[in-house]
Amino acid sequence: MKAVIQRVQKADVTVNGKLVSSIQKGMLIFLGIAEDDSELDIQWLINKIVKLRMFNEFDDNINDINGEVLLISQFTLQANVLKGNRPSFIKAAKPEIAKPIYHVFESELNKKLNKELKSGVFGADMLVNLSNDGPVTILYDSILKIKR
């Protein structure tokens, strides 16, 4: 499971020209689910995100600032671009596998936040607008976590 987390002043997502979700100060999370991701990946990544100190000189986390979160599914984070010029998505979970994992992630993360999580539409062609604050962008990959 991979996540790109951006500190934002505001962000929104539209689908077919219709505003789906918007947030003010907080974090925008792009989430890419791999075919072998499990509950352990979900819990590890949520724990890292909630505790991530990326606000106020890197002293505060999302709950400390009462910030908002916008979660966007993005299978392209699982692209392999080592060979050739066309990305390979062989490691990305198929929609029928990724969608339930995405919704579990969404639900579990929401439980740990002070404010209700906002999200895009899984599998949709989305237009995401953001004002990156800093800019601050953090990458997580659960494959790199320490085995217990």
Protein backbone atom coordinates (compact mmCIF):
# COMPACT_ATOMS: atom_id res chain seq x y z
CA MET A 1 0.00 0.00 0.00
CA LYS A 2 1.39 3.34 -1.02
CA ALA A 3 0.30 6.79 0.09
CA VAL A 4 1.29 10.23 -1.09
CA ILE A 5 0.33 12.75 1.58
CA GLN A 6 0.32 16.46 0.88
CA ARG A 7 -0.14 19.24 3.41
CA VAL A 8 -2.79 21.52 1.92
CA GLN A 9 -4.47 24.84 2.61
CA LYS A 10 -7.46 23.53 0.64
CA ALA A 11 -8.33 20.73 -1.77
CA ASP A 12 -11.35 19.50 -3.67
CA VAL A 13 -12.37 16.73 -6.03
CA THR A 14 -14.90 16.80 -8.85
CA VAL A 15 -16.34 13.97 -10.93
CA ASN A 16 -18.12 14.71 -14.21
CA GLY A 17 -18.06 18.42 -13.41
CA LYS A 18 -19.78 17.94 -10.04
CA LEU A 19 -18.03 18.81 -6.76
CA VAL A 20 -17.84 15.62 -4.70
CA SER A 21 -15.76 16.70 -1.67
CA SER A 22 -13.71 19.62 -0.43
CA ILE A 23 -11.55 20.41 2.57
CA GLN A 24 -9.74 23.34 4.07
CA LYS A 25 -6.45 23.09 6.03
CA GLY A 26 -5.29 19.53 6.39
CA MET A 27 -3.98 16.68 4.28
CA LEU A 28 -4.75 15.24 0.90
CA ILE A 29 -3.99 11.52 0.71
CA PHE A 30 -3.58 9.63 -2.55
CA LEU A 31 -3.83 5.88 -1.81
CA GLY A 32 -2.60 3.08 -4.09
CA ILE A 33 -3.51 -0.48 -3.16
CA ALA A 34 -1.36 -3.45 -4.19
CA GLU A 35 -2.60 -6.94 -4.86
CA ASP A 36 -1.03 -8.34 -1.69
CA ASP A 37 -2.10 -5.61 0.76
CA SER A 38 -3.79 -6.78 3.96
CA GLU A 39 -5.26 -5.57 7.24
CA LEU A 40 -1.70 -5.21 8.57
CA ASP A 41 -0.87 -2.74 5.79
CA ILE A 42 -4.05 -0.78 6.52
CA GLN A 43 -3.38 -0.51 10.26
CA TRP A 44 0.32 0.30 9.83
CA LEU A 45 -0.38 3.07 7.33
CA ILE A 46 -3.27 4.58 9.30
CA ASN A 47 -1.12 4.66 12.42
CA LYS A 48 1.64 6.47 10.52
CA ILE A 49 -0.77 8.97 8.94
CA VAL A 50 -2.56 9.91 12.15
CA LYS A 51 0.71 10.44 14.01
CA LEU A 52 2.50 12.20 11.13
CA ARG A 53 3.78 15.55 12.40
CA MET A 54 3.64 17.70 9.30
CA PHE A 55 2.03 20.89 10.67
CA ASN A 56 3.35 23.90 12.62
CA GLU A 57 7.07 23.43 12.09
CA PHE A 58 6.58 19.62 12.02
CA ASP A 59 5.45 19.52 15.65
CA ASP A 60 1.73 18.78 15.18
CA ASN A 61 -0.30 16.01 13.57
CA ILE A 62 -3.66 16.23 11.81
CA ASN A 63 -5.69 15.90 15.02
CA ASP A 64 -3.55 18.44 16.89
CA ILE A 65 -4.59 21.11 14.39
CA ASN A 66 -8.16 19.81 14.04
CA GLY A 67 -7.43 19.52 10.31
CA GLU A 68 -9.40 17.88 7.55
CA VAL A 69 -8.49 14.91 5.35
CA LEU A 70 -9.39 14.21 1.73
CA LEU A 71 -8.74 10.60 0.62
CA ILE A 72 -8.38 9.79 -3.09
CA SER A 73 -7.92 6.31 -4.57
CA GLN A 74 -5.07 6.23 -7.10
CA PHE A 75 -4.06 2.86 -8.50
CA THR A 76 -1.32 4.52 -10.59
CA LEU A 77 0.81 4.80 -7.43
CA GLN A 78 1.47 1.08 -7.92
CA ALA A 79 3.01 1.65 -11.37
CA ASN A 80 6.28 -0.05 -12.20
CA VAL A 81 8.29 2.16 -14.54
CA LEU A 82 11.68 0.44 -14.38
CA LYS A 83 11.48 -1.13 -17.86
CA GLY A 84 10.40 0.66 -20.99
CA ASN A 85 8.33 3.82 -21.17
CA ARG A 86 4.85 2.49 -20.50
CA PRO A 87 3.91 1.99 -16.82
CA SER A 88 3.03 -1.53 -15.76
CA PHE A 89 0.23 -1.87 -13.22
CA ILE A 90 0.62 -5.60 -12.62
CA LYS A 91 1.12 -5.08 -8.85
CA ALA A 92 -1.98 -2.88 -8.49
CA ALA A 93 -4.95 -4.65 -6.96
CA LYS A 94 -7.84 -5.27 -9.33
CA PRO A 95 -10.90 -3.11 -8.59
CA GLU A 96 -12.88 -6.00 -7.07
CA ILE A 97 -10.06 -6.50 -4.54
CA ALA A 98 -8.99 -2.87 -4.08
CA LYS A 99 -12.44 -1.36 -3.54
CA PRO A 100 -13.26 -3.26 -0.32
CA ILE A 101 -9.75 -2.60 1.01
CA TYR A 102 -10.12 1.11 0.17
CA HIS A 103 -13.44 1.29 2.02
CA VAL A 104 -12.00 -0.48 5.09
CA PHE A 105 -9.06 1.96 5.04
CA GLU A 106 -11.47 4.89 4.72
CA SER A 107 -13.64 3.67 7.60
CA GLU A 108 -10.72 2.85 9.91
CA LEU A 109 -8.95 6.15 9.24
CA ASN A 110 -12.18 8.07 9.83
CA LYS A 111 -12.45 6.53 13.32
CA LYS A 112 -9.06 8.02 14.26
CA LEU A 113 -9.73 11.58 13.07
CA ASN A 114 -11.25 14.54 14.92
CA LYS A 115 -13.16 15.59 11.79
CA GLU A 116 -15.09 13.44 9.35
CA LEU A 117 -12.96 12.14 6.51
CA LYS A 118 -13.86 13.29 3.00
CA SER A 119 -13.16 11.21 -0.09
CA GLY A 120 -13.34 10.97 -3.84
CA VAL A 121 -15.18 8.28 -5.80
CA PHE A 122 -13.35 4.97 -6.06
CA GLY A 123 -12.51 4.12 -9.67
CA ALA A 124 -13.85 7.37 -11.11
CA ASP A 125 -12.00 9.75 -13.39
CA MET A 126 -11.48 12.56 -10.88
CA LEU A 127 -10.23 16.11 -11.12
CA VAL A 128 -8.34 16.98 -7.93
CA ASN A 129 -7.45 20.58 -7.13
CA LEU A 130 -5.14 21.44 -4.27
CA SER A 131 -3.13 24.22 -2.72
CA ASN A 132 -0.03 22.43 -1.43
CA ASP A 133 1.18 24.19 1.70
CA GLY A 134 4.96 24.43 1.90
CA PRO A 135 5.10 22.48 -0.35
CA VAL A 136 5.11 19.46 1.95
CA THR A 137 4.70 16.01 0.43
CA ILE A 138 5.37 12.75 2.29
CA LEU A 139 5.53 9.25 0.77
CA TYR A 140 4.71 6.00 2.56
CA ASP A 141 5.04 2.46 1.25
CA SER A 142 3.88 -0.33 3.56
CA ILE A 143 6.19 -2.82 1.84
CA LEU A 144 9.05 -1.01 3.57
CA LYS A 145 7.62 -1.44 7.08
CA ILE A 146 9.59 -3.42 9.63
CA LYS A 147 8.34 -6.99 9.90
CA ARG A 148 7.04 -7.90 13.34
